[in-house]
Structure formats: structure tokens, C-alpha cells
Amino acid sequence: MTAIQENLLSAIDLALQGSWDAAHRLVQHYESDVTAAWIHAVLHKIEGDAGNSRYWYRRAGRIDHFADEPRAELAEIRAMIAGQTNG
């Protein structure tokens, strides 16, 4: 597993634990990574900042997920990252 993947999984864990600020700080280190951008989008959705969330969804190429429930979406992203490490 790469350091980026480990940190993105940590950001998801932090978000699911309610540590929005810590999760946000972590994903900000990987602004050019599309998976980090997707997590960033979910974090802003959790925060209630729809405009910023849409911006990050567009950067991630995942605007179709804007209406998804955040916890389920983070679980989906987690599974995707884990799948990248197993294949």
C-alpha cells in the first residue's frame, strides 16, 4: 500500500469518527490525486458547504455522487482504495 493510500484511508477513518478538521487537513496534502479530491468533496458535503463540495466533486470526476449519503460514500471510497491494493 502506498503512503498516499494509507493517508487517504486515515482521512476516511477520521471523517467517520467525526474528526472533520483532521481529515480535511490530511486530504489537502494530495490535491492533485483524484481519490483525495473525492474524499475532499465528501468532507465539504458533511460540513454543509455545497458549493465547495461540488467543486471537489468536479475535480474528482464524481459529480454524480453529490447526492449520495456521506458515510456510505466514504465506505465506497474505502473499498475502492482497498481494491487497488489487492489487485
Protein backbone atom coordinates (compact mmCIF):
# COMPACT_ATOMS: atom_id res chain seq x y z
CA MET A 1 0.00 0.00 0.00
CA THR A 2 1.34 3.43 -0.86
CA ALA A 3 1.72 6.25 1.65
CA ILE A 4 -0.99 8.20 -0.17
CA GLN A 5 -3.42 5.28 0.09
CA GLU A 6 -2.64 4.86 3.78
CA ASN A 7 -3.20 8.55 4.42
CA LEU A 8 -6.44 8.59 2.45
CA LEU A 9 -7.71 5.63 4.46
CA SER A 10 -6.73 7.51 7.62
CA ALA A 11 -8.65 10.55 6.40
CA ILE A 12 -11.73 8.39 5.85
CA ASP A 13 -11.39 6.91 9.35
CA LEU A 14 -11.03 10.38 10.85
CA ALA A 15 -14.10 11.62 8.98
CA LEU A 16 -16.17 8.63 10.13
CA GLN A 17 -15.07 9.33 13.72
CA GLY A 18 -16.27 12.91 13.41
CA SER A 19 -12.80 14.48 13.16
CA TRP A 20 -13.64 16.63 10.15
CA ASP A 21 -10.77 19.11 10.57
CA ALA A 22 -8.10 16.42 10.86
CA ALA A 23 -9.48 14.55 7.85
CA HIS A 24 -9.61 17.78 5.86
CA ARG A 25 -6.01 18.69 6.72
CA LEU A 26 -4.86 15.27 5.59
CA VAL A 27 -6.57 15.25 2.18
CA GLN A 28 -5.36 18.77 1.44
CA HIS A 29 -1.84 17.34 1.07
CA TYR A 30 -2.94 15.43 -2.04
CA GLU A 31 -4.89 17.99 -4.06
CA SER A 32 -3.75 16.53 -7.40
CA ASP A 33 -4.97 13.00 -6.52
CA VAL A 34 -8.50 12.30 -7.81
CA THR A 35 -9.37 9.98 -4.92
CA ALA A 36 -8.27 12.62 -2.42
CA ALA A 37 -10.40 15.15 -4.32
CA TRP A 38 -13.38 12.81 -3.99
CA ILE A 39 -12.83 12.47 -0.23
CA HIS A 40 -12.40 16.26 -0.07
CA ALA A 41 -15.79 16.64 -1.79
CA VAL A 42 -17.47 14.38 0.77
CA LEU A 43 -15.86 16.27 3.64
CA HIS A 44 -17.26 19.58 2.38
CA LYS A 45 -20.66 17.93 1.93
CA ILE A 46 -20.51 16.82 5.59
CA GLU A 47 -19.54 20.37 6.53
CA GLY A 48 -22.58 21.71 4.68
CA ASP A 49 -20.58 23.67 2.08
CA ALA A 50 -22.35 22.54 -1.10
CA GLY A 51 -20.50 24.93 -3.42
CA ASN A 52 -17.07 23.80 -2.30
CA SER A 53 -18.24 20.19 -2.32
CA ARG A 54 -19.38 20.46 -5.95
CA TYR A 55 -16.01 21.99 -6.89
CA TRP A 56 -14.16 18.98 -5.46
CA TYR A 57 -16.62 16.51 -7.00
CA ARG A 58 -15.90 18.08 -10.39
CA ARG A 59 -12.14 17.84 -9.80
CA ALA A 60 -12.57 14.19 -8.90
CA GLY A 61 -14.81 13.49 -11.90
CA ARG A 62 -17.51 12.25 -9.49
CA ILE A 63 -20.23 14.94 -9.59
CA ASP A 64 -22.77 12.13 -10.00
CA HIS A 65 -22.14 11.24 -6.33
CA PHE A 66 -23.14 14.67 -4.99
CA ALA A 67 -26.48 13.37 -3.67
CA ASP A 68 -25.01 10.23 -2.05
CA GLU A 69 -25.14 9.73 1.70
CA PRO A 70 -21.67 10.66 3.04
CA ARG A 71 -20.99 7.64 5.28
CA ALA A 72 -21.97 5.18 2.54
CA GLU A 73 -19.90 7.14 0.07
CA LEU A 74 -16.84 7.06 2.31
CA ALA A 75 -17.31 3.28 2.66
CA GLU A 76 -17.40 3.03 -1.14
CA ILE A 77 -14.19 5.04 -1.45
CA ARG A 78 -12.56 2.88 1.24
CA ALA A 79 -13.49 -0.29 -0.68
CA MET A 80 -12.15 1.21 -3.90
CA ILE A 81 -8.79 2.06 -2.27
CA ALA A 82 -8.58 -1.43 -0.72
CA GLY A 83 -9.34 -2.97 -4.12
CA GLN A 84 -6.46 -1.00 -5.66
CA THR A 85 -4.07 -2.57 -3.17
CA ASN A 86 -5.28 -6.12 -3.73
CA GLY A 87 -5.04 -6.23 -7.47
